[in-house]
Every structure is written in structure tokens, then in C-alpha cells.
């Protein structure tokens, strides 16, 4: 008979994939991330499967999640698992939170909300200015710089540069 493999306690495995952001207090998950951008962690055996890292954090630090409730983020950071940044609530509570923070308009469905969301410099979490976006677009298309060099210069990711030059983000800016 094969010996059963010992697994580290779940709390130790969870905390091994945390990077604390001193500025925001977020405990950013650095482990596996699903397609929707949320952290996932195995909760035990293969049969027990995986769960969202923020839900596991809530259970470990705060206790059970009430039936039918979500674990939501006060900080709006999908990768944050800091229990002080989390709260439990119904689907409606989560929607109300999104409306109160301007992530969607009251009465809208989630997919409709993207039309009226704050964009560019009016968005509360913007990093670049419209002037910088125009400069990135111009310099890239004139062959002056590549994604990596522009990303380093403007302190953003290469993906951000890619999305600007391919007109996926900052679409409202005229060039």
C-alpha cells in the first residue's frame, strides 16, 4: 500500500503565496489565477478540489461563509486575500457595492455597466494621463520604442502598452 503524502496545513500553503502591498494593505495572491482574475488554491485532496483564495482566507481567518453569500472585496482588488479587506454579502450586496463605487450604474446588468464606467483620467485607478497615452502610441507607431522599453519608461506592464497601441484601452483618446 502506498503511503499517504503529508500536505502542509492549508493556512501555511495559502500564506506562502501572499505578497503584502505596504501602501494599500492588500495581501496580493501570487499563486494560481483563474480566467476571471481570481486566485485559486487547492483545499486538500484532488477530490476536495480548489476554491477561491479569498474565500479560503475568509474561512481561515473569519469562519464559515453564510449559505448563499459571496466573499466580496472592499478594496476592489480581485487578488487581495486580506480578511480585513473582505466582507460577506449576498449577490445584491455585491451589486450595491459596485454601484456605490461607480463600477456600475444602478439598474444595470453587469455586462451593460461597462458602457457607462469611468474611463481614462476620470477613472479613480488610472496610472497614465491622456498625454502619456498619446506619447506611447506615437512613439510605438513611429518605431521609436518597443513594448518592453515603453513599459519600463512609463512604469506599467507590457500588456498595458500592448492594449494602448492595439486600441483596446484608452479608446476615447484621439491620436
Protein backbone atom coordinates (compact mmCIF):
# COMPACT_ATOMS: atom_id res chain seq x y z
CA UNK A 1 0.00 0.00 0.00
CA UNK A 2 1.27 3.43 -0.98
CA UNK A 3 1.99 5.82 1.91
CA UNK A 4 -0.23 8.88 2.01
CA UNK A 5 1.65 12.08 1.24
CA UNK A 6 1.71 14.69 4.02
CA UNK A 7 0.47 18.09 2.97
CA UNK A 8 1.33 21.39 4.67
CA UNK A 9 -1.56 22.95 6.59
CA UNK A 10 -3.87 24.96 4.36
CA UNK A 11 -3.09 28.24 6.14
CA UNK A 12 0.66 27.74 5.52
CA UNK A 13 0.07 26.93 1.85
CA UNK A 14 -2.19 29.96 1.48
CA UNK A 15 0.24 32.40 3.11
CA UNK A 16 3.17 31.05 1.07
CA UNK A 17 1.61 32.78 -1.96
CA UNK A 18 1.00 36.21 -0.45
CA UNK A 19 2.82 39.45 -1.20
CA UNK A 20 1.81 42.31 1.09
CA UNK A 21 1.39 45.72 -0.54
CA UNK A 22 2.50 48.14 2.18
CA UNK A 23 0.76 51.10 0.51
CA UNK A 24 -2.71 49.53 0.30
CA UNK A 25 -2.53 46.78 2.91
CA UNK A 26 -3.66 44.25 0.30
CA UNK A 27 -2.39 40.70 0.65
CA UNK A 28 -1.90 40.03 -3.05
CA UNK A 29 -2.24 36.42 -4.14
CA UNK A 30 0.78 35.28 -6.20
CA UNK A 31 -0.33 31.69 -6.82
CA UNK A 32 -2.63 30.25 -9.47
CA UNK A 33 -5.18 32.63 -11.01
CA UNK A 34 -8.32 31.62 -12.89
CA UNK A 35 -9.57 33.14 -16.13
CA UNK A 36 -11.64 35.74 -14.29
CA UNK A 37 -8.58 37.01 -12.42
CA UNK A 38 -9.24 35.46 -9.00
CA UNK A 39 -6.67 33.44 -7.07
CA UNK A 40 -7.32 29.72 -6.61
CA UNK A 41 -5.84 27.26 -4.16
CA UNK A 42 -6.22 23.53 -3.61
CA UNK A 43 -8.09 22.93 -0.38
CA UNK A 44 -6.88 19.39 0.25
CA UNK A 45 -7.06 16.23 -1.79
CA UNK A 46 -7.79 16.12 -5.51
CA UNK A 47 -11.35 15.09 -4.66
CA UNK A 48 -11.77 18.17 -2.47
CA UNK A 49 -10.64 20.35 -5.36
CA UNK A 50 -9.86 24.06 -5.39
CA UNK A 51 -11.55 27.17 -4.11
CA UNK A 52 -11.03 30.89 -4.50
CA UNK A 53 -8.11 32.08 -2.38
CA UNK A 54 -10.13 34.96 -0.90
CA UNK A 55 -12.89 32.55 0.20
CA UNK A 56 -10.31 30.23 1.79
CA UNK A 57 -8.76 33.23 3.56
CA UNK A 58 -12.17 34.26 4.91
CA UNK A 59 -12.83 30.76 6.28
CA UNK A 60 -9.37 30.50 7.85
CA UNK A 61 -9.38 33.94 9.50
CA UNK A 62 -13.08 34.76 9.99
CA UNK A 63 -15.03 31.48 9.96
CA UNK A 64 -17.77 29.99 7.84
CA UNK A 65 -19.31 31.82 4.91
CA UNK A 66 -23.09 32.07 5.37
CA UNK A 67 -25.05 29.94 2.91
CA UNK A 68 -25.76 31.78 -0.31
CA UNK A 69 -23.26 34.55 0.44
CA UNK A 70 -20.29 35.76 -1.54
CA UNK A 71 -16.95 36.92 -0.16
CA UNK A 72 -16.57 40.43 -1.59
CA UNK A 73 -13.69 42.90 -1.69
CA UNK A 74 -13.85 46.34 -0.04
CA UNK A 75 -10.61 47.17 -1.88
CA UNK A 76 -11.85 46.01 -5.33
CA UNK A 77 -8.63 44.02 -5.80
CA UNK A 78 -9.53 40.53 -7.05
CA UNK A 79 -6.15 39.18 -5.90
CA UNK A 80 -6.41 40.53 -2.35
CA UNK A 81 -6.98 37.91 0.34
CA UNK A 82 -6.55 40.17 3.38
CA UNK A 83 -9.53 39.27 5.59
CA UNK A 84 -9.72 42.92 6.73
CA UNK A 85 -10.43 43.88 3.10
CA UNK A 86 -13.17 41.26 2.66
CA UNK A 87 -16.82 41.09 3.62
CA UNK A 88 -19.61 38.58 3.12
CA UNK A 89 -22.80 39.51 1.41
CA UNK A 90 -25.48 38.44 -0.98
CA UNK A 91 -25.29 38.88 -4.73
CA UNK A 92 -27.36 42.05 -4.29
CA UNK A 93 -24.93 43.35 -1.64
CA UNK A 94 -22.08 42.84 -4.11
CA UNK A 95 -24.00 44.69 -6.84
CA UNK A 96 -24.85 47.54 -4.45
CA UNK A 97 -21.16 47.79 -3.53
CA UNK A 98 -20.24 48.05 -7.23
CA UNK A 99 -22.86 50.79 -7.78
CA UNK A 100 -21.71 52.76 -4.71
CA UNK A 101 -18.12 52.71 -6.02
CA UNK A 102 -19.09 53.74 -9.55
CA UNK A 103 -18.18 50.39 -11.11
CA UNK A 104 -21.71 50.07 -12.47
CA UNK A 105 -24.86 52.13 -12.67
CA UNK A 106 -27.95 51.35 -10.64
CA UNK A 107 -30.42 49.17 -12.52
CA UNK A 108 -27.84 47.86 -14.98
CA UNK A 109 -26.79 44.31 -15.54
CA UNK A 110 -23.03 43.74 -15.16
CA UNK A 111 -22.36 43.42 -18.91
CA UNK A 112 -24.24 46.66 -19.55
CA UNK A 113 -22.30 48.63 -16.94
CA UNK A 114 -19.12 48.80 -18.99
CA UNK A 115 -20.73 51.37 -21.30
CA UNK A 116 -21.03 53.98 -18.54
CA UNK A 117 -17.93 53.26 -16.50
CA UNK A 118 -15.40 55.97 -15.82
CA UNK A 119 -12.57 55.83 -18.35
CA UNK A 120 -9.11 57.31 -18.70
CA UNK A 121 -8.13 60.01 -16.25
CA UNK A 122 -11.66 60.11 -14.79
CA UNK A 123 -11.22 56.52 -13.58
CA UNK A 124 -10.10 56.50 -9.95
CA UNK A 125 -7.34 53.94 -10.52
CA UNK A 126 -5.75 55.41 -13.64
CA UNK A 127 -1.94 55.41 -13.78
CA UNK A 128 -1.31 57.16 -17.07
CA UNK A 129 -2.51 60.50 -18.36
CA UNK A 130 -4.00 61.05 -21.81
CA UNK A 131 -0.83 62.94 -22.76
CA UNK A 132 1.28 59.92 -21.80
CA UNK A 133 -1.04 57.59 -23.74
CA UNK A 134 -0.68 59.74 -26.86
CA UNK A 135 3.10 59.74 -26.38
CA UNK A 136 3.19 55.93 -26.03
CA UNK A 137 1.03 55.47 -29.13
CA UNK A 138 3.09 57.92 -31.19
CA UNK A 139 6.47 56.56 -30.16
CA UNK A 140 5.46 52.95 -30.70
CA UNK A 141 3.98 53.57 -34.16
CA UNK A 142 6.98 55.65 -35.23
CA UNK A 143 9.18 52.67 -34.34
CA UNK A 144 10.96 54.60 -31.63
CA UNK A 145 10.36 52.09 -28.81
CA UNK A 146 9.03 48.55 -28.25
CA UNK A 147 6.58 47.28 -25.64
CA UNK A 148 9.21 46.45 -23.03
CA UNK A 149 11.09 49.76 -23.23
CA UNK A 150 7.88 51.81 -23.14
CA UNK A 151 6.56 49.74 -20.23
CA UNK A 152 9.74 50.32 -18.25
CA UNK A 153 9.80 54.01 -19.06
CA UNK A 154 6.17 54.61 -18.08
CA UNK A 155 6.19 52.13 -15.14
CA UNK A 156 3.36 49.98 -16.47
CA UNK A 157 3.15 46.42 -17.77
CA UNK A 158 3.89 45.38 -21.34
CA UNK A 159 0.23 44.32 -21.51
CA UNK A 160 -0.82 47.89 -20.79
CA UNK A 161 1.36 49.16 -23.63
CA UNK A 162 0.02 46.44 -25.95
CA UNK A 163 -3.58 47.38 -25.11
CA UNK A 164 -2.87 51.05 -25.81
CA UNK A 165 -1.16 50.53 -29.17
CA UNK A 166 -3.81 48.00 -30.29
CA UNK A 167 -6.56 50.44 -29.20
CA UNK A 168 -8.07 48.04 -26.68
CA UNK A 169 -7.75 50.55 -23.83
CA UNK A 170 -7.94 54.35 -23.85
CA UNK A 171 -10.17 54.15 -26.96
CA UNK A 172 -11.62 57.58 -26.21
CA UNK A 173 -8.22 59.27 -26.74
CA UNK A 174 -7.72 60.75 -30.19
CA UNK A 175 -4.31 60.38 -31.81
